[in-house]
């Protein structure tokens, strides 16, 4: 399975939060944001920081997708 962070970026748009603001709010580097844009691995620690900053649940910012649907 793979992970997509499209839900996070939709949530940011809905809340009118710039991605750069999120890095300040949650206290993580811009590199993490780049990894999320590319749907790459992000540590659970970073996910937790984002959820705490946005007051949301994990399933509101990421989604697991089956391998055959990745492309």
C-alpha atoms as a PDB file:
ATOM      1  CA  UNK A   1       0.000   0.000   0.000  1.00  0.00           C
ATOM      2  CA  UNK A   2       0.993   3.567  -0.589  1.00  0.00           C
ATOM      3  CA  UNK A   3      -0.048   6.816   1.015  1.00  0.00           C
ATOM      4  CA  UNK A   4      -1.400   9.992  -0.539  1.00  0.00           C
ATOM      5  CA  UNK A   5      -1.592  13.323   1.258  1.00  0.00           C
ATOM      6  CA  UNK A   6      -4.121  14.948  -1.083  1.00  0.00           C
ATOM      7  CA  UNK A   7      -6.578  15.238   1.786  1.00  0.00           C
ATOM      8  CA  UNK A   8      -4.097  17.394   3.702  1.00  0.00           C
ATOM      9  CA  UNK A   9      -3.712  19.845   0.840  1.00  0.00           C
ATOM     10  CA  UNK A  10      -7.482  20.021   0.364  1.00  0.00           C
ATOM     11  CA  UNK A  11      -7.883  20.665   4.084  1.00  0.00           C
ATOM     12  CA  UNK A  12      -5.340  23.480   3.923  1.00  0.00           C
ATOM     13  CA  UNK A  13      -7.239  25.069   1.025  1.00  0.00           C
ATOM     14  CA  UNK A  14     -10.543  24.751   2.892  1.00  0.00           C
ATOM     15  CA  UNK A  15      -9.043  26.398   5.976  1.00  0.00           C
ATOM     16  CA  UNK A  16      -7.189  29.027   3.916  1.00  0.00           C
ATOM     17  CA  UNK A  17      -3.825  28.002   5.353  1.00  0.00           C
ATOM     18  CA  UNK A  18      -0.697  28.274   3.235  1.00  0.00           C
ATOM     19  CA  UNK A  19       1.574  25.198   3.329  1.00  0.00           C
ATOM     20  CA  UNK A  20       4.411  27.403   4.593  1.00  0.00           C
ATOM     21  CA  UNK A  21       2.179  28.486   7.494  1.00  0.00           C
ATOM     22  CA  UNK A  22       1.634  24.834   8.361  1.00  0.00           C
ATOM     23  CA  UNK A  23       5.368  24.261   8.703  1.00  0.00           C
ATOM     24  CA  UNK A  24       5.494  27.105  11.247  1.00  0.00           C
ATOM     25  CA  UNK A  25       2.350  25.965  13.080  1.00  0.00           C
ATOM     26  CA  UNK A  26       3.428  22.334  13.356  1.00  0.00           C
ATOM     27  CA  UNK A  27       7.155  22.915  13.734  1.00  0.00           C
ATOM     28  CA  UNK A  28       8.594  20.777  10.952  1.00  0.00           C
ATOM     29  CA  UNK A  29      10.911  21.516   8.022  1.00  0.00           C
ATOM     30  CA  UNK A  30       9.929  22.430   4.477  1.00  0.00           C
ATOM     31  CA  UNK A  31      11.523  19.135   3.427  1.00  0.00           C
ATOM     32  CA  UNK A  32       8.646  17.251   5.068  1.00  0.00           C
ATOM     33  CA  UNK A  33       6.166  19.273   3.040  1.00  0.00           C
ATOM     34  CA  UNK A  34       8.053  18.459  -0.163  1.00  0.00           C
ATOM     35  CA  UNK A  35       7.973  14.760   0.702  1.00  0.00           C
ATOM     36  CA  UNK A  36       4.213  14.976   1.266  1.00  0.00           C
ATOM     37  CA  UNK A  37       3.666  16.699  -2.082  1.00  0.00           C
ATOM     38  CA  UNK A  38       5.473  13.748  -3.692  1.00  0.00           C
ATOM     39  CA  UNK A  39       3.500  11.193  -1.630  1.00  0.00           C
ATOM     40  CA  UNK A  40       6.710   9.909  -0.063  1.00  0.00           C
ATOM     41  CA  UNK A  41       7.278   8.483   3.405  1.00  0.00           C
ATOM     42  CA  UNK A  42       6.772  10.891   6.306  1.00  0.00           C
ATOM     43  CA  UNK A  43       7.377   9.868   9.909  1.00  0.00           C
ATOM     44  CA  UNK A  44       4.530   9.332  12.299  1.00  0.00           C
ATOM     45  CA  UNK A  45       6.038  12.076  14.461  1.00  0.00           C
ATOM     46  CA  UNK A  46       5.497  14.597  11.655  1.00  0.00           C
ATOM     47  CA  UNK A  47       1.962  13.330  11.046  1.00  0.00           C
ATOM     48  CA  UNK A  48       1.224  13.774  14.748  1.00  0.00           C
ATOM     49  CA  UNK A  49       2.538  17.361  14.713  1.00  0.00           C
ATOM     50  CA  UNK A  50       0.324  18.199  11.754  1.00  0.00           C
ATOM     51  CA  UNK A  51      -2.764  16.676  13.354  1.00  0.00           C
ATOM     52  CA  UNK A  52      -2.146  18.574  16.587  1.00  0.00           C
ATOM     53  CA  UNK A  53      -1.583  21.865  14.746  1.00  0.00           C
ATOM     54  CA  UNK A  54      -4.723  21.455  12.620  1.00  0.00           C
ATOM     55  CA  UNK A  55      -6.789  19.792  15.348  1.00  0.00           C
ATOM     56  CA  UNK A  56      -7.714  16.928  13.050  1.00  0.00           C
ATOM     57  CA  UNK A  57      -7.474  13.152  12.774  1.00  0.00           C
ATOM     58  CA  UNK A  58      -4.996  11.177  10.689  1.00  0.00           C
ATOM     59  CA  UNK A  59      -7.650  10.038   8.201  1.00  0.00           C
ATOM     60  CA  UNK A  60      -8.407  13.691   7.466  1.00  0.00           C
ATOM     61  CA  UNK A  61      -4.908  14.301   6.074  1.00  0.00           C
ATOM     62  CA  UNK A  62      -3.843  11.035   4.467  1.00  0.00           C
ATOM     63  CA  UNK A  63      -5.283   8.086   2.656  1.00  0.00           C
ATOM     64  CA  UNK A  64      -3.915   4.618   1.980  1.00  0.00           C
ATOM     65  CA  UNK A  65      -4.197   3.486  -1.618  1.00  0.00           C
ATOM     66  CA  UNK A  66      -3.696  -0.017  -3.022  1.00  0.00           C
ATOM     67  CA  UNK A  67      -0.553  -0.559  -5.104  1.00  0.00           C
ATOM     68  CA  UNK A  68      -2.461  -1.069  -8.374  1.00  0.00           C
ATOM     69  CA  UNK A  69      -4.151   2.348  -8.016  1.00  0.00           C
ATOM     70  CA  UNK A  70      -0.928   4.275  -7.294  1.00  0.00           C
ATOM     71  CA  UNK A  71      -0.305   5.277 -10.888  1.00  0.00           C
END
